[in-house]
Amino acid sequence: MASDTNDAPRTLGDLALEVRSKNAGPFWMTLEAFMPDEQTYRIADALITTELISELYHVAPASLQIFRIPDLHVVKVSFPRPVVQGSLHDRDMHAGQHHVPLANVVLPVPTGTGMGAGGRQA
């Protein structure tokens, strides 16, 4: 049976077990990408950079904290919330919807390997 490339993961959210966001106190939020194995963790580890998060979330690179936890296959990013939790202009009290831009990041396609994203045959 021929490999169907339509089922290959195309975004970080497709590849991950879970991409989520949450409060890290009233002034900070955290994004987490939980990967199923070491191979997918390496992809997420390379993809989630200060530059990417700064661009996606309009946050100063110096204010980002990235935690790489290879034993758990997790990349965690914390940065200041755009508004204080519970303030008049807070539209997501629990920061539960902020993961969407990160989850929608398109995976790079390896060149010259014949493999698609996530190590699947192209």
PDB file of N, CA and C in Angstrom:
ATOM      1  N   MET A   1       0.844  -1.172   0.000  1.00  0.00           N
ATOM      2  CA  MET A   1       0.000   0.000   0.000  1.00  0.00           C
ATOM      3  C   MET A   1       0.891   1.239   0.000  1.00  0.00           C
ATOM      4  N   ALA A   2       0.631   2.175  -0.880  1.00  0.00           N
ATOM      5  CA  ALA A   2       1.437   3.388  -0.991  1.00  0.00           C
ATOM      6  C   ALA A   2       1.174   4.290   0.204  1.00  0.00           C
ATOM      7  N   SER A   3       2.217   4.993   0.589  1.00  0.00           N
ATOM      8  CA  SER A   3       2.104   5.913   1.715  1.00  0.00           C
ATOM      9  C   SER A   3       1.285   7.121   1.305  1.00  0.00           C
ATOM     10  N   ASP A   4       0.316   7.489   2.115  1.00  0.00           N
ATOM     11  CA  ASP A   4      -0.518   8.649   1.858  1.00  0.00           C
ATOM     12  C   ASP A   4       0.095   9.841   2.578  1.00  0.00           C
ATOM     13  N   THR A   5       0.604  10.798   1.819  1.00  0.00           N
ATOM     14  CA  THR A   5       1.262  11.959   2.430  1.00  0.00           C
ATOM     15  C   THR A   5       0.264  12.913   3.068  1.00  0.00           C
ATOM     16  N   ASN A   6      -1.035  12.745   2.800  1.00  0.00           N
ATOM     17  CA  ASN A   6      -2.026  13.638   3.393  1.00  0.00           C
ATOM     18  C   ASN A   6      -2.138  13.456   4.902  1.00  0.00           C
ATOM     19  N   ASP A   7      -1.733  12.292   5.429  1.00  0.00           N
ATOM     20  CA  ASP A   7      -1.828  12.084   6.869  1.00  0.00           C
ATOM     21  C   ASP A   7      -0.548  12.467   7.611  1.00  0.00           C
ATOM     22  N   ALA A   8       0.449  12.936   6.895  1.00  0.00           N
ATOM     23  CA  ALA A   8       1.697  13.365   7.532  1.00  0.00           C
ATOM     24  C   ALA A   8       1.432  14.641   8.333  1.00  0.00           C
ATOM     25  N   PRO A   9       2.058  14.763   9.510  1.00  0.00           N
ATOM     26  CA  PRO A   9       1.856  15.984  10.302  1.00  0.00           C
ATOM     27  C   PRO A   9       2.389  17.201   9.555  1.00  0.00           C
ATOM     28  N   ARG A  10       1.615  18.258   9.574  1.00  0.00           N
ATOM     29  CA  ARG A  10       1.998  19.484   8.866  1.00  0.00           C
ATOM     30  C   ARG A  10       2.315  20.632   9.804  1.00  0.00           C
ATOM     31  N   THR A  11       1.815  20.539  11.023  1.00  0.00           N
ATOM     32  CA  THR A  11       2.039  21.612  11.996  1.00  0.00           C
ATOM     33  C   THR A  11       2.583  21.007  13.286  1.00  0.00           C
ATOM     34  N   LEU A  12       3.098  21.872  14.136  1.00  0.00           N
ATOM     35  CA  LEU A  12       3.571  21.408  15.429  1.00  0.00           C
ATOM     36  C   LEU A  12       2.441  20.744  16.204  1.00  0.00           C
ATOM     37  N   GLY A  13       1.244  21.288  16.118  1.00  0.00           N
ATOM     38  CA  GLY A  13       0.089  20.705  16.800  1.00  0.00           C
ATOM     39  C   GLY A  13      -0.240  19.309  16.299  1.00  0.00           C
ATOM     40  N   ASP A  14      -0.038  19.067  14.999  1.00  0.00           N
ATOM     41  CA  ASP A  14      -0.266  17.729  14.441  1.00  0.00           C
ATOM     42  C   ASP A  14       0.744  16.730  14.984  1.00  0.00           C
ATOM     43  N   LEU A  15       1.965  17.180  15.157  1.00  0.00           N
ATOM     44  CA  LEU A  15       3.069  16.307  15.568  1.00  0.00           C
ATOM     45  C   LEU A  15       3.067  16.025  17.075  1.00  0.00           C
ATOM     46  N   ALA A  16       2.614  16.988  17.854  1.00  0.00           N
ATOM     47  CA  ALA A  16       2.700  16.915  19.318  1.00  0.00           C
ATOM     48  C   ALA A  16       1.589  16.068  19.919  1.00  0.00           C
ATOM     49  N   LEU A  17       1.858  15.529  21.102  1.00  0.00           N
ATOM     50  CA  LEU A  17       0.788  14.924  21.888  1.00  0.00           C
ATOM     51  C   LEU A  17      -0.176  16.018  22.339  1.00  0.00           C
ATOM     52  N   GLU A  18       0.424  17.151  22.727  1.00  0.00           N
ATOM     53  CA  GLU A  18      -0.382  18.291  23.168  1.00  0.00           C
ATOM     54  C   GLU A  18       0.464  19.558  23.104  1.00  0.00           C
ATOM     55  N   VAL A  19      -0.157  20.642  22.666  1.00  0.00           N
ATOM     56  CA  VAL A  19       0.424  21.975  22.775  1.00  0.00           C
ATOM     57  C   VAL A  19      -0.588  22.757  23.599  1.00  0.00           C
ATOM     58  N   ARG A  20      -0.136  23.339  24.704  1.00  0.00           N
ATOM     59  CA  ARG A  20      -1.082  24.052  25.566  1.00  0.00           C
ATOM     60  C   ARG A  20      -0.463  25.333  26.103  1.00  0.00           C
ATOM     61  N   SER A  21      -1.337  26.168  26.614  1.00  0.00           N
ATOM     62  CA  SER A  21      -0.903  27.400  27.265  1.00  0.00           C
ATOM     63  C   SER A  21      -1.648  27.512  28.584  1.00  0.00           C
ATOM     64  N   LYS A  22      -1.020  28.230  29.520  1.00  0.00           N
ATOM     65  CA  LYS A  22      -1.645  28.399  30.824  1.00  0.00           C
ATOM     66  C   LYS A  22      -0.988  29.563  31.546  1.00  0.00           C
ATOM     67  N   ASN A  23      -1.627  29.988  32.619  1.00  0.00           N
ATOM     68  CA  ASN A  23      -1.055  31.032  33.461  1.00  0.00           C
ATOM     69  C   ASN A  23       0.200  30.533  34.153  1.00  0.00           C
ATOM     70  N   ALA A  24       1.095  31.447  34.374  1.00  0.00           N
ATOM     71  CA  ALA A  24       2.245  31.205  35.235  1.00  0.00           C
ATOM     72  C   ALA A  24       2.258  32.370  36.227  1.00  0.00           C
ATOM     73  N   GLY A  25       1.141  32.554  36.888  1.00  0.00           N
ATOM     74  CA  GLY A  25       0.924  33.690  37.765  1.00  0.00           C
ATOM     75  C   GLY A  25       0.173  34.776  37.007  1.00  0.00           C
ATOM     76  N   PRO A  26      -0.172  35.872  37.648  1.00  0.00           N
ATOM     77  CA  PRO A  26      -0.970  36.910  36.996  1.00  0.00           C
ATOM     78  C   PRO A  26      -0.213  37.742  35.965  1.00  0.00           C
ATOM     79  N   PHE A  27       1.108  37.629  35.945  1.00  0.00           N
ATOM     80  CA  PHE A  27       1.900  38.471  35.060  1.00  0.00           C
ATOM     81  C   PHE A  27       2.611  37.702  33.951  1.00  0.00           C
ATOM     82  N   TRP A  28       2.613  36.376  34.015  1.00  0.00           N
ATOM     83  CA  TRP A  28       3.319  35.548  33.036  1.00  0.00           C
ATOM     84  C   TRP A  28       2.402  34.466  32.500  1.00  0.00           C
ATOM     85  N   MET A  29       2.711  33.965  31.314  1.00  0.00           N
ATOM     86  CA  MET A  29       2.029  32.791  30.775  1.00  0.00           C
ATOM     87  C   MET A  29       3.071  31.807  30.273  1.00  0.00           C
ATOM     88  N   THR A  30       2.648  30.564  30.141  1.00  0.00           N
ATOM     89  CA  THR A  30       3.537  29.493  29.718  1.00  0.00           C
ATOM     90  C   THR A  30       2.916  28.734  28.560  1.00  0.00           C
ATOM     91  N   LEU A  31       3.737  28.424  27.568  1.00  0.00           N
ATOM     92  CA  LEU A  31       3.360  27.538  26.463  1.00  0.00           C
ATOM     93  C   LEU A  31       4.142  26.251  26.646  1.00  0.00           C
ATOM     94  N   GLU A  32       3.519  25.113  26.344  1.00  0.00           N
ATOM     95  CA  GLU A  32       4.203  23.832  26.465  1.00  0.00           C
ATOM     96  C   GLU A  32       3.889  22.973  25.245  1.00  0.00           C
ATOM     97  N   ALA A  33       4.908  22.327  24.721  1.00  0.00           N
ATOM     98  CA  ALA A  33       4.756  21.367  23.627  1.00  0.00           C
ATOM     99  C   ALA A  33       5.226  20.016  24.140  1.00  0.00           C
ATOM    100  N   PHE A  34       4.296  19.086  24.263  1.00  0.00           N
ATOM    101  CA  PHE A  34       4.581  17.730  24.729  1.00  0.00           C
ATOM    102  C   PHE A  34       4.715  16.835  23.502  1.00  0.00           C
ATOM    103  N   MET A  35       5.880  16.255  23.315  1.00  0.00           N
ATOM    104  CA  MET A  35       6.147  15.444  22.133  1.00  0.00           C
ATOM    105  C   MET A  35       6.125  13.962  22.493  1.00  0.00           C
ATOM    106  N   PRO A  36       5.760  13.094  21.533  1.00  0.00           N
ATOM    107  CA  PRO A  36       5.623  11.669  21.845  1.00  0.00           C
ATOM    108  C   PRO A  36       6.927  10.893  21.998  1.00  0.00           C
ATOM    109  N   ASP A  37       8.004  11.382  21.395  1.00  0.00           N
ATOM    110  CA  ASP A  37       9.249  10.611  21.442  1.00  0.00           C
ATOM    111  C   ASP A  37      10.443  11.533  21.190  1.00  0.00           C
ATOM    112  N   GLU A  38      11.630  10.956  21.238  1.00  0.00           N
ATOM    113  CA  GLU A  38      12.849  11.750  21.089  1.00  0.00           C
ATOM    114  C   GLU A  38      12.958  12.389  19.708  1.00  0.00           C
ATOM    115  N   GLN A  39      12.566  11.678  18.668  1.00  0.00           N
ATOM    116  CA  GLN A  39      12.659  12.207  17.305  1.00  0.00           C
ATOM    117  C   GLN A  39      11.782  13.450  17.135  1.00  0.00           C
ATOM    118  N   THR A  40      10.546  13.380  17.599  1.00  0.00           N
ATOM    119  CA  THR A  40       9.661  14.535  17.468  1.00  0.00           C
ATOM    120  C   THR A  40      10.082  15.654  18.424  1.00  0.00           C
ATOM    121  N   TYR A  41      10.646  15.282  19.581  1.00  0.00           N
ATOM    122  CA  TYR A  41      11.169  16.304  20.493  1.00  0.00           C
ATOM    123  C   TYR A  41      12.275  17.105  19.810  1.00  0.00           C
ATOM    124  N   ARG A  42      13.160  16.430  19.081  1.00  0.00           N
ATOM    125  CA  ARG A  42      14.245  17.142  18.388  1.00  0.00           C
ATOM    126  C   ARG A  42      13.686  18.141  17.375  1.00  0.00           C
ATOM    127  N   ILE A  43      12.606  17.784  16.707  1.00  0.00           N
ATOM    128  CA  ILE A  43      11.972  18.695  15.748  1.00  0.00           C
ATOM    129  C   ILE A  43      11.432  19.922  16.485  1.00  0.00           C
ATOM    130  N   ALA A  44      10.703  19.685  17.572  1.00  0.00           N
ATOM    131  CA  ALA A  44      10.142  20.793  18.352  1.00  0.00           C
ATOM    132  C   ALA A  44      11.247  21.650  18.955  1.00  0.00           C
ATOM    133  N   ASP A  45      12.286  21.009  19.451  1.00  0.00           N
ATOM    134  CA  ASP A  45      13.412  21.710  20.065  1.00  0.00           C
ATOM    135  C   ASP A  45      14.067  22.665  19.068  1.00  0.00           C
ATOM    136  N   ALA A  46      14.218  22.224  17.831  1.00  0.00           N
ATOM    137  CA  ALA A  46      14.824  23.069  16.798  1.00  0.00           C
ATOM    138  C   ALA A  46      13.856  24.155  16.329  1.00  0.00           C
ATOM    139  N   LEU A  47      12.578  23.848  16.324  1.00  0.00           N
ATOM    140  CA  LEU A  47      11.572  24.767  15.800  1.00  0.00           C
ATOM    141  C   LEU A  47      11.258  25.899  16.773  1.00  0.00           C
ATOM    142  N   ILE A  48      11.178  25.584  18.049  1.00  0.00           N
ATOM    143  CA  ILE A  48      10.776  26.587  19.050  1.00  0.00           C
ATOM    144  C   ILE A  48      12.003  27.374  19.480  1.00  0.00           C
ATOM    145  N   THR A  49      12.117  28.550  18.924  1.00  0.00           N
ATOM    146  CA  THR A  49      13.259  29.427  19.182  1.00  0.00           C
ATOM    147  C   THR A  49      12.773  30.756  19.759  1.00  0.00           C
ATOM    148  N   THR A  50      13.695  31.499  20.300  1.00  0.00           N
ATOM    149  CA  THR A  50      13.384  32.837  20.789  1.00  0.00           C
ATOM    150  C   THR A  50      12.792  33.687  19.670  1.00  0.00           C
ATOM    151  N   GLU A  51      13.369  33.577  18.482  1.00  0.00           N
ATOM    152  CA  GLU A  51      12.905  34.375  17.352  1.00  0.00           C
ATOM    153  C   GLU A  51      11.464  34.030  16.981  1.00  0.00           C
ATOM    154  N   LEU A  52      11.154  32.731  16.936  1.00  0.00           N
ATOM    155  CA  LEU A  52       9.799  32.306  16.573  1.00  0.00           C
ATOM    156  C   LEU A  52       8.776  32.803  17.584  1.00  0.00           C
ATOM    157  N   ILE A  53       9.036  32.585  18.862  1.00  0.00           N
ATOM    158  CA  ILE A  53       8.085  32.986  19.900  1.00  0.00           C
ATOM    159  C   ILE A  53       7.940  34.507  19.929  1.00  0.00           C
ATOM    160  N   SER A  54       9.035  35.213  19.783  1.00  0.00           N
ATOM    161  CA  SER A  54       8.996  36.670  19.755  1.00  0.00           C
ATOM    162  C   SER A  54       8.107  37.170  18.613  1.00  0.00           C
ATOM    163  N   GLU A  55       8.243  36.544  17.455  1.00  0.00           N
ATOM    164  CA  GLU A  55       7.437  36.937  16.292  1.00  0.00           C
ATOM    165  C   GLU A  55       5.962  36.565  16.475  1.00  0.00           C
ATOM    166  N   LEU A  56       5.697  35.357  16.936  1.00  0.00           N
ATOM    167  CA  LEU A  56       4.312  34.906  17.077  1.00  0.00           C
ATOM    168  C   LEU A  56       3.535  35.682  18.130  1.00  0.00           C
ATOM    169  N   TYR A  57       4.208  36.011  19.225  1.00  0.00           N
ATOM    170  CA  TYR A  57       3.515  36.587  20.380  1.00  0.00           C
ATOM    171  C   TYR A  57       3.863  38.052  20.636  1.00  0.00           C
ATOM    172  N   HIS A  58       4.647  38.659  19.753  1.00  0.00           N
ATOM    173  CA  HIS A  58       5.008  40.080  19.866  1.00  0.00           C
ATOM    174  C   HIS A  58       5.587  40.378  21.248  1.00  0.00           C
ATOM    175  N   VAL A  59       6.558  39.554  21.620  1.00  0.00           N
ATOM    176  CA  VAL A  59       7.215  39.662  22.922  1.00  0.00           C
ATOM    177  C   VAL A  59       8.694  39.955  22.692  1.00  0.00           C
ATOM    178  N   ALA A  60       9.263  40.810  23.514  1.00  0.00           N
ATOM    179  CA  ALA A  60      10.696  41.107  23.405  1.00  0.00           C
ATOM    180  C   ALA A  60      11.499  39.833  23.665  1.00  0.00           C
ATOM    181  N   PRO A  61      12.445  39.516  22.796  1.00  0.00           N
ATOM    182  CA  PRO A  61      13.245  38.300  22.979  1.00  0.00           C
ATOM    183  C   PRO A  61      13.907  38.205  24.351  1.00  0.00           C
ATOM    184  N   ALA A  62      14.323  39.330  24.903  1.00  0.00           N
ATOM    185  CA  ALA A  62      14.998  39.315  26.206  1.00  0.00           C
ATOM    186  C   ALA A  62      14.070  38.894  27.342  1.00  0.00           C
ATOM    187  N   SER A  63      12.751  38.998  27.140  1.00  0.00           N
ATOM    188  CA  SER A  63      11.813  38.646  28.210  1.00  0.00           C
ATOM    189  C   SER A  63      11.387  37.174  28.173  1.00  0.00           C
ATOM    190  N   LEU A  64      11.793  36.441  27.153  1.00  0.00           N
ATOM    191  CA  LEU A  64      11.423  35.028  27.018  1.00  0.00           C
ATOM    192  C   LEU A  64      12.303  34.123  27.865  1.00  0.00           C
ATOM    193  N   GLN A  65      11.703  33.075  28.370  1.00  0.00           N
ATOM    194  CA  GLN A  65      12.450  32.011  29.034  1.00  0.00           C
ATOM    195  C   GLN A  65      12.040  30.707  28.373  1.00  0.00           C
ATOM    196  N   ILE A  66      13.000  29.981  27.813  1.00  0.00           N
ATOM    197  CA  ILE A  66      12.715  28.700  27.166  1.00  0.00           C
ATOM    198  C   ILE A  66      13.366  27.600  27.991  1.00  0.00           C
ATOM    199  N   PHE A  67      12.554  26.613  28.332  1.00  0.00           N
ATOM    200  CA  PHE A  67      13.016  25.461  29.113  1.00  0.00           C
ATOM    201  C   PHE A  67      12.915  24.229  28.219  1.00  0.00           C
ATOM    202  N   ARG A  68      14.028  23.584  27.996  1.00  0.00           N
ATOM    203  CA  ARG A  68      14.075  22.383  27.156  1.00  0.00           C
ATOM    204  C   ARG A  68      14.275  21.188  28.091  1.00  0.00           C
ATOM    205  N   ILE A  69      13.334  20.259  28.044  1.00  0.00           N
ATOM    206  CA  ILE A  69      13.349  19.126  28.971  1.00  0.00           C
ATOM    207  C   ILE A  69      13.359  17.834  28.141  1.00  0.00           C
ATOM    208  N   PRO A  70      14.532  17.427  27.638  1.00  0.00           N
ATOM    209  CA  PRO A  70      14.595  16.284  26.723  1.00  0.00           C
ATOM    210  C   PRO A  70      14.150  14.964  27.353  1.00  0.00           C
ATOM    211  N   ASP A  71      14.384  14.769  28.644  1.00  0.00           N
ATOM    212  CA  ASP A  71      13.973  13.509  29.274  1.00  0.00           C
ATOM    213  C   ASP A  71      12.459  13.326  29.265  1.00  0.00           C
ATOM    214  N   LEU A  72      11.721  14.436  29.240  1.00  0.00           N
ATOM    215  CA  LEU A  72      10.254  14.385  29.205  1.00  0.00           C
ATOM    216  C   LEU A  72       9.690  14.679  27.821  1.00  0.00           C
ATOM    217  N   HIS A  73      10.568  15.017  26.866  1.00  0.00           N
ATOM    218  CA  HIS A  73      10.170  15.381  25.493  1.00  0.00           C
ATOM    219  C   HIS A  73       9.252  16.608  25.505  1.00  0.00           C
ATOM    220  N   VAL A  74       9.644  17.607  26.286  1.00  0.00           N
ATOM    221  CA  VAL A  74       8.833  18.820  26.442  1.00  0.00           C
ATOM    222  C   VAL A  74       9.694  20.053  26.195  1.00  0.00           C
ATOM    223  N   VAL A  75       9.120  21.013  25.470  1.00  0.00           N
ATOM    224  CA  VAL A  75       9.698  22.352  25.366  1.00  0.00           C
ATOM    225  C   VAL A  75       8.672  23.297  25.975  1.00  0.00           C
ATOM    226  N   LYS A  76       9.141  24.115  26.901  1.00  0.00           N
ATOM    227  CA  LYS A  76       8.277  25.018  27.654  1.00  0.00           C
ATOM    228  C   LYS A  76       8.799  26.435  27.473  1.00  0.00           C
ATOM    229  N   VAL A  77       7.897  27.377  27.253  1.00  0.00           N
ATOM    230  CA  VAL A  77       8.268  28.780  27.048  1.00  0.00           C
ATOM    231  C   VAL A  77       7.422  29.642  27.973  1.00  0.00           C
ATOM    232  N   SER A  78       8.065  30.545  28.688  1.00  0.00           N
ATOM    233  CA  SER A  78       7.339  31.486  29.540  1.00  0.00           C
ATOM    234  C   SER A  78       7.696  32.905  29.138  1.00  0.00           C
ATOM    235  N   PHE A  79       6.702  33.777  29.222  1.00  0.00           N
ATOM    236  CA  PHE A  79       6.916  35.190  28.904  1.00  0.00           C
ATOM    237  C   PHE A  79       5.824  36.025  29.555  1.00  0.00           C
ATOM    238  N   PRO A  80       6.051  37.334  29.678  1.00  0.00           N
ATOM    239  CA  PRO A  80       5.059  38.197  30.314  1.00  0.00           C
ATOM    240  C   PRO A  80       3.740  38.206  29.541  1.00  0.00           C
ATOM    241  N   ARG A  81       2.640  38.164  30.286  1.00  0.00           N
ATOM    242  CA  ARG A  81       1.320  38.288  29.657  1.00  0.00           C
ATOM    243  C   ARG A  81       1.198  39.682  29.037  1.00  0.00           C
ATOM    244  N   PRO A  82       0.452  39.813  27.946  1.00  0.00           N
ATOM    245  CA  PRO A  82       0.270  41.146  27.349  1.00  0.00           C
ATOM    246  C   PRO A  82      -0.515  42.094  28.259  1.00  0.00           C
ATOM    247  N   VAL A  83      -1.419  41.542  29.056  1.00  0.00           N
ATOM    248  CA  VAL A  83      -2.144  42.315  30.073  1.00  0.00           C
ATOM    249  C   VAL A  83      -2.195  41.467  31.338  1.00  0.00           C
ATOM    250  N   VAL A  84      -2.318  42.108  32.469  1.00  0.00           N
ATOM    251  CA  VAL A  84      -2.360  41.404  33.752  1.00  0.00           C
ATOM    252  C   VAL A  84      -3.631  40.552  33.822  1.00  0.00           C
ATOM    253  N   GLN A  85      -3.486  39.344  34.352  1.00  0.00           N
ATOM    254  CA  GLN A  85      -4.633  38.450  34.487  1.00  0.00           C
ATOM    255  C   GLN A  85      -5.749  39.116  35.278  1.00  0.00           C
ATOM    256  N   GLY A  86      -6.957  39.050  34.744  1.00  0.00           N
ATOM    257  CA  GLY A  86      -8.128  39.585  35.422  1.00  0.00           C
ATOM    258  C   GLY A  86      -8.333  41.072  35.272  1.00  0.00           C
ATOM    259  N   SER A  87      -7.427  41.741  34.548  1.00  0.00           N
ATOM    260  CA  SER A  87      -7.596  43.181  34.359  1.00  0.00           C
ATOM    261  C   SER A  87      -8.732  43.439  33.363  1.00  0.00           C
ATOM    262  N   LEU A  88      -9.120  44.668  33.241  1.00  0.00           N
ATOM    263  CA  LEU A  88     -10.243  45.059  32.398  1.00  0.00           C
ATOM    264  C   LEU A  88     -10.087  44.555  30.957  1.00  0.00           C
ATOM    265  N   HIS A  89      -8.880  44.563  30.428  1.00  0.00           N
ATOM    266  CA  HIS A  89      -8.660  44.193  29.021  1.00  0.00           C
ATOM    267  C   HIS A  89      -8.210  42.747  28.827  1.00  0.00           C
ATOM    268  N   ASP A  90      -8.248  41.941  29.864  1.00  0.00           N
ATOM    269  CA  ASP A  90      -7.864  40.527  29.758  1.00  0.00           C
ATOM    270  C   ASP A  90      -8.995  39.754  29.091  1.00  0.00           C
ATOM    271  N   ARG A  91      -8.708  39.202  27.906  1.00  0.00           N
ATOM    272  CA  ARG A  91      -9.724  38.456  27.158  1.00  0.00           C
ATOM    273  C   ARG A  91      -9.592  36.949  27.339  1.00  0.00           C
ATOM    274  N   ASP A  92      -8.589  36.508  28.061  1.00  0.00           N
ATOM    275  CA  ASP A  92      -8.389  35.074  28.306  1.00  0.00           C
ATOM    276  C   ASP A  92      -7.812  34.918  29.708  1.00  0.00           C
ATOM    277  N   MET A  93      -8.688  34.898  30.679  1.00  0.00           N
ATOM    278  CA  MET A  93      -8.320  34.921  32.096  1.00  0.00           C
ATOM    279  C   MET A  93      -7.314  33.837  32.475  1.00  0.00           C
ATOM    280  N   HIS A  94      -7.410  32.665  31.852  1.00  0.00           N
ATOM    281  CA  HIS A  94      -6.552  31.546  32.216  1.00  0.00           C
ATOM    282  C   HIS A  94      -5.433  31.300  31.206  1.00  0.00           C
ATOM    283  N   ALA A  95      -5.317  32.164  30.206  1.00  0.00           N
ATOM    284  CA  ALA A  95      -4.309  32.041  29.147  1.00  0.00           C
ATOM    285  C   ALA A  95      -4.430  30.704  28.425  1.00  0.00           C
ATOM    286  N   GLY A  96      -5.633  30.153  28.384  1.00  0.00           N
ATOM    287  CA  GLY A  96      -5.856  28.834  27.799  1.00  0.00           C
ATOM    288  C   GLY A  96      -5.957  28.796  26.290  1.00  0.00           C
ATOM    289  N   GLN A  97      -6.021  29.936  25.630  1.00  0.00           N
ATOM    290  CA  GLN A  97      -6.168  29.953  24.171  1.00  0.00           C
ATOM    291  C   GLN A  97      -4.915  30.441  23.447  1.00  0.00           C
ATOM    292  N   HIS A  98      -3.897  30.790  24.183  1.00  0.00           N
ATOM    293  CA  HIS A  98      -2.698  31.364  23.575  1.00  0.00           C
ATOM    294  C   HIS A  98      -1.803  30.339  22.885  1.00  0.00           C
ATOM    295  N   HIS A  99      -2.095  29.069  23.021  1.00  0.00           N
ATOM    296  CA  HIS A  99      -1.278  28.035  22.386  1.00  0.00           C
ATOM    297  C   HIS A  99      -1.513  27.935  20.885  1.00  0.00           C
ATOM    298  N   VAL A 100      -2.604  28.464  20.386  1.00  0.00           N
ATOM    299  CA  VAL A 100      -2.999  28.256  18.991  1.00  0.00           C
ATOM    300  C   VAL A 100      -1.943  28.726  17.984  1.00  0.00           C
ATOM    301  N   PRO A 101      -1.370  29.925  18.099  1.00  0.00           N
ATOM    302  CA  PRO A 101      -0.336  30.300  17.122  1.00  0.00           C
ATOM    303  C   PRO A 101       0.844  29.327  17.093  1.00  0.00           C
ATOM    304  N   LEU A 102       1.278  28.857  18.250  1.00  0.00           N
ATOM    305  CA  LEU A 102       2.393  27.910  18.287  1.00  0.00           C
ATOM    306  C   LEU A 102       1.980  26.570  17.676  1.00  0.00           C
ATOM    307  N   ALA A 103       0.808  26.090  18.006  1.00  0.00           N
ATOM    308  CA  ALA A 103       0.334  24.810  17.466  1.00  0.00           C
ATOM    309  C   ALA A 103       0.196  24.856  15.945  1.00  0.00           C
ATOM    310  N   ASN A 104      -0.075  26.027  15.392  1.00  0.00           N
ATOM    311  CA  ASN A 104      -0.278  26.166  13.948  1.00  0.00           C
ATOM    312  C   ASN A 104       1.001  26.424  13.154  1.00  0.00           C
ATOM    313  N   VAL A 105       2.153  26.433  13.814  1.00  0.00           N
ATOM    314  CA  VAL A 105       3.418  26.636  13.112  1.00  0.00           C
ATOM    315  C   VAL A 105       3.649  25.448  12.169  1.00  0.00           C
ATOM    316  N   VAL A 106       3.917  25.747  10.916  1.00  0.00           N
ATOM    317  CA  VAL A 106       4.142  24.713   9.903  1.00  0.00           C
ATOM    318  C   VAL A 106       5.517  24.096  10.106  1.00  0.00           C
ATOM    319  N   LEU A 107       5.557  22.771  10.042  1.00  0.00           N
ATOM    320  CA  LEU A 107       6.820  22.043  10.222  1.00  0.00           C
ATOM    321  C   LEU A 107       7.710  22.209   9.000  1.00  0.00           C
ATOM    322  N   PRO A 108       9.007  22.319   9.204  1.00  0.00           N
ATOM    323  CA  PRO A 108       9.925  22.352   8.060  1.00  0.00           C
ATOM    324  C   PRO A 108       9.991  20.966   7.426  1.00  0.00           C
ATOM    325  N   VAL A 109      10.189  20.934   6.125  1.00  0.00           N
ATOM    326  CA  VAL A 109      10.340  19.665   5.419  1.00  0.00           C
ATOM    327  C   VAL A 109      11.828  19.416   5.246  1.00  0.00           C
ATOM    328  N   PRO A 110      12.337  18.287   5.772  1.00  0.00           N
ATOM    329  CA  PRO A 110      13.767  17.990   5.607  1.00  0.00           C
ATOM    330  C   PRO A 110      14.122  17.899   4.128  1.00  0.00           C
ATOM    331  N   THR A 111      15.256  18.459   3.770  1.00  0.00           N
ATOM    332  CA  THR A 111      15.678  18.423   2.375  1.00  0.00           C
ATOM    333  C   THR A 111      16.626  17.268   2.119  1.00  0.00           C
ATOM    334  N   GLY A 112      16.469  16.654   0.959  1.00  0.00           N
ATOM    335  CA  GLY A 112      17.398  15.622   0.519  1.00  0.00           C
ATOM    336  C   GLY A 112      17.298  14.300   1.257  1.00  0.00           C
ATOM    337  N   THR A 113      16.233  14.110   2.043  1.00  0.00           N
ATOM    338  CA  THR A 113      16.128  12.850   2.789  1.00  0.00           C
ATOM    339  C   THR A 113      15.079  11.929   2.216  1.00  0.00           C
ATOM    340  N   GLY A 114      14.166  12.482   1.386  1.00  0.00           N
ATOM    341  CA  GLY A 114      13.056  11.667   0.907  1.00  0.00           C
ATOM    342  C   GLY A 114      12.019  11.451   1.989  1.00  0.00           C
ATOM    343  N   MET A 115      12.214  12.104   3.126  1.00  0.00           N
ATOM    344  CA  MET A 115      11.279  11.945   4.234  1.00  0.00           C
ATOM    345  C   MET A 115      10.501  13.239   4.419  1.00  0.00           C
ATOM    346  N   GLY A 116       9.245  13.098   4.767  1.00  0.00           N
ATOM    347  CA  GLY A 116       8.424  14.249   5.059  1.00  0.00           C
ATOM    348  C   GLY A 116       8.607  14.631   6.510  1.00  0.00           C
ATOM    349  N   ALA A 117       7.803  15.611   6.941  1.00  0.00           N
ATOM    350  CA  ALA A 117       7.850  16.064   8.325  1.00  0.00           C
ATOM    351  C   ALA A 117       7.505  14.903   9.249  1.00  0.00           C
ATOM    352  N   GLY A 118       8.167  14.862  10.363  1.00  0.00           N
ATOM    353  CA  GLY A 118       7.907  13.811  11.336  1.00  0.00           C
ATOM    354  C   GLY A 118       8.562  12.490  10.984  1.00  0.00           C
ATOM    355  N   GLY A 119       9.436  12.492   9.962  1.00  0.00           N
ATOM    356  CA  GLY A 119      10.161  11.292   9.614  1.00  0.00           C
ATOM    357  C   GLY A 119       9.394  10.304   8.772  1.00  0.00           C
ATOM    358  N   ARG A 120       8.264  10.722   8.217  1.00  0.00           N
ATOM    359  CA  ARG A 120       7.474   9.824   7.388  1.00  0.00           C
ATOM    360  C   ARG A 120       7.931   9.908   5.937  1.00  0.00           C
ATOM    361  N   GLN A 121       7.841   8.819   5.243  1.00  0.00           N
ATOM    362  CA  GLN A 121       8.257   8.749   3.834  1.00  0.00           C
ATOM    363  C   GLN A 121       7.429   9.719   3.009  1.00  0.00           C
ATOM    364  N   ALA A 122       8.113  10.557   2.220  1.00  0.00           N
ATOM    365  CA  ALA A 122       7.414  11.527   1.378  1.00  0.00           C
ATOM    366  C   ALA A 122       6.999  10.879   0.067  1.00  0.00           C
TER     367      ALA A 122
END
